[in-house]
Amino acid sequence: VQLQASGGGLVQAGESLGLSCVANGRSLFRINDMGWYRQAPGQQREYVALISNGGNTNYAASVKGRFSISRDNARNTVYLLMNSLKPEDTAVYYCKAVLDGRDYWGKGTQVTVSS
């Protein structure tokens, strides 16, 4: 599975931004969970959100109510809609796929939120 994330950019606090992650090599129907993680400079990578093959979602407390994860299996794409962005959301965002018990990571996309 190859994952390609896109959609990052520079926004001001309070604005919205959408990320996309396209999976190549395997249909999303075969992939179990898809998730988004992020890593800020000097910090460890942290969990952001997850969506199961059945569409169940889960969010980190820091983004719950502001971020929304969704997936379109027909397009092999997972989305992350980020609303009410804060400067502390600044990070490189990575998508992850879980298939047959193995984790696959894509290259990240930079999100920068200015105050």
Protein backbone atom coordinates (compact mmCIF):
# COMPACT_ATOMS: atom_id res chain seq x y z
CA VAL A 1 0.00 0.00 0.00
CA GLN A 2 1.33 3.42 -0.97
CA LEU A 3 -0.23 6.44 0.70
CA GLN A 4 -0.01 10.01 -0.52
CA ALA A 5 -1.26 12.83 1.68
CA SER A 6 -1.99 16.29 0.35
CA GLY A 7 -3.84 19.48 1.16
CA GLY A 8 -1.58 21.06 3.73
CA GLY A 9 -0.83 24.73 3.76
CA LEU A 10 -0.66 27.96 5.72
CA VAL A 11 -3.85 29.28 7.30
CA GLN A 12 -4.78 31.69 10.04
CA ALA A 13 -6.18 30.66 13.39
CA GLY A 14 -9.89 29.97 13.19
CA GLU A 15 -9.83 28.97 9.55
CA SER A 16 -10.43 25.54 8.03
CA LEU A 17 -8.33 23.20 5.96
CA GLY A 18 -8.94 19.81 4.37
CA LEU A 19 -6.44 17.01 3.93
CA SER A 20 -6.66 14.04 1.61
CA CYS A 21 -4.85 10.72 1.58
CA VAL A 22 -5.00 8.49 -1.47
CA ALA A 23 -4.15 4.81 -1.14
CA ASN A 24 -2.64 3.03 -4.10
CA GLY A 25 -2.00 -0.64 -4.49
CA ARG A 26 -4.93 -1.92 -2.47
CA SER A 27 -8.58 -0.98 -2.46
CA LEU A 28 -9.67 0.71 0.72
CA PHE A 29 -12.27 -1.99 1.01
CA ARG A 30 -9.41 -4.34 1.94
CA ILE A 31 -7.86 -1.92 4.43
CA ASN A 32 -9.03 -2.07 8.01
CA ASP A 33 -8.40 1.21 9.79
CA MET A 34 -7.24 4.47 8.30
CA GLY A 35 -5.88 7.18 10.53
CA TRP A 36 -4.27 10.58 10.70
CA TYR A 37 -1.33 11.42 12.92
CA ARG A 38 0.75 14.55 13.30
CA GLN A 39 4.20 15.54 14.44
CA ALA A 40 5.18 19.01 15.55
CA PRO A 41 8.83 20.11 15.59
CA GLY A 42 10.68 18.58 18.51
CA GLN A 43 7.74 16.44 19.52
CA GLN A 44 6.74 12.84 19.08
CA ARG A 45 4.21 11.81 16.48
CA GLU A 46 0.72 11.83 17.98
CA TYR A 47 -2.61 10.33 17.10
CA VAL A 48 -5.27 12.59 15.60
CA ALA A 49 -8.17 10.56 14.25
CA LEU A 50 -9.14 7.13 12.99
CA ILE A 51 -11.88 5.64 10.83
CA SER A 52 -12.62 1.94 10.60
CA ASN A 53 -13.61 -0.01 7.54
CA GLY A 54 -17.15 0.13 8.88
CA GLY A 55 -17.05 3.89 9.21
CA ASN A 56 -16.66 4.15 12.96
CA THR A 57 -14.59 7.17 13.94
CA ASN A 58 -12.45 8.15 16.88
CA TYR A 59 -10.66 11.38 17.70
CA ALA A 60 -7.96 12.64 19.99
CA ALA A 61 -9.35 14.84 22.72
CA SER A 62 -7.41 17.82 21.40
CA VAL A 63 -9.27 17.79 18.05
CA LYS A 64 -12.64 16.32 18.94
CA GLY A 65 -15.43 18.60 17.83
CA ARG A 66 -13.16 20.48 15.42
CA PHE A 67 -11.83 17.79 13.09
CA SER A 68 -13.80 15.28 11.02
CA ILE A 69 -12.42 12.15 9.37
CA SER A 70 -14.16 10.38 6.50
CA ARG A 71 -13.35 7.87 3.82
CA ASP A 72 -14.47 7.19 0.27
CA ASN A 73 -13.63 3.60 -0.52
CA ALA A 74 -14.60 4.01 -4.16
CA ARG A 75 -11.97 6.74 -4.51
CA ASN A 76 -9.44 5.00 -2.24
CA THR A 77 -9.27 8.24 -0.29
CA VAL A 78 -9.45 9.28 3.33
CA TYR A 79 -10.14 12.87 4.30
CA LEU A 80 -9.52 15.03 7.33
CA LEU A 81 -11.54 18.23 7.60
CA MET A 82 -10.02 20.57 10.14
CA ASN A 83 -12.12 23.45 11.44
CA SER A 84 -11.36 26.18 13.97
CA LEU A 85 -7.65 25.61 13.55
CA LYS A 86 -5.31 26.71 16.31
CA PRO A 87 -1.59 27.51 16.22
CA GLU A 88 -0.99 24.34 18.25
CA ASP A 89 -2.37 22.32 15.34
CA THR A 90 0.76 23.23 13.39
CA ALA A 91 2.52 20.01 12.44
CA VAL A 92 3.31 17.61 9.66
CA TYR A 93 0.25 15.42 9.17
CA TYR A 94 0.62 11.77 8.19
CA CYS A 95 -1.95 9.21 7.15
CA LYS A 96 -1.71 5.57 8.14
CA ALA A 97 -3.39 2.44 6.86
CA VAL A 98 -3.68 -0.88 8.67
CA LEU A 99 -3.88 -3.93 6.46
CA ASP A 100 -3.50 -7.51 7.62
CA GLY A 101 -2.02 -6.32 10.88
CA ARG A 102 0.66 -4.20 9.25
CA ASP A 103 0.94 -0.41 9.39
CA TYR A 104 1.60 1.60 6.24
CA TRP A 105 2.57 5.27 6.41
CA GLY A 106 2.50 7.97 3.81
CA LYS A 107 4.75 10.99 3.50
CA GLY A 108 3.42 13.87 5.49
CA THR A 109 1.90 17.17 4.51
CA GLN A 110 2.71 20.38 6.40
CA VAL A 111 -0.04 22.32 8.14
CA THR A 112 0.89 25.70 9.57
CA VAL A 113 -1.57 27.79 11.56
CA SER A 114 -0.61 31.37 12.25
CA SER A 115 -1.97 33.34 15.17
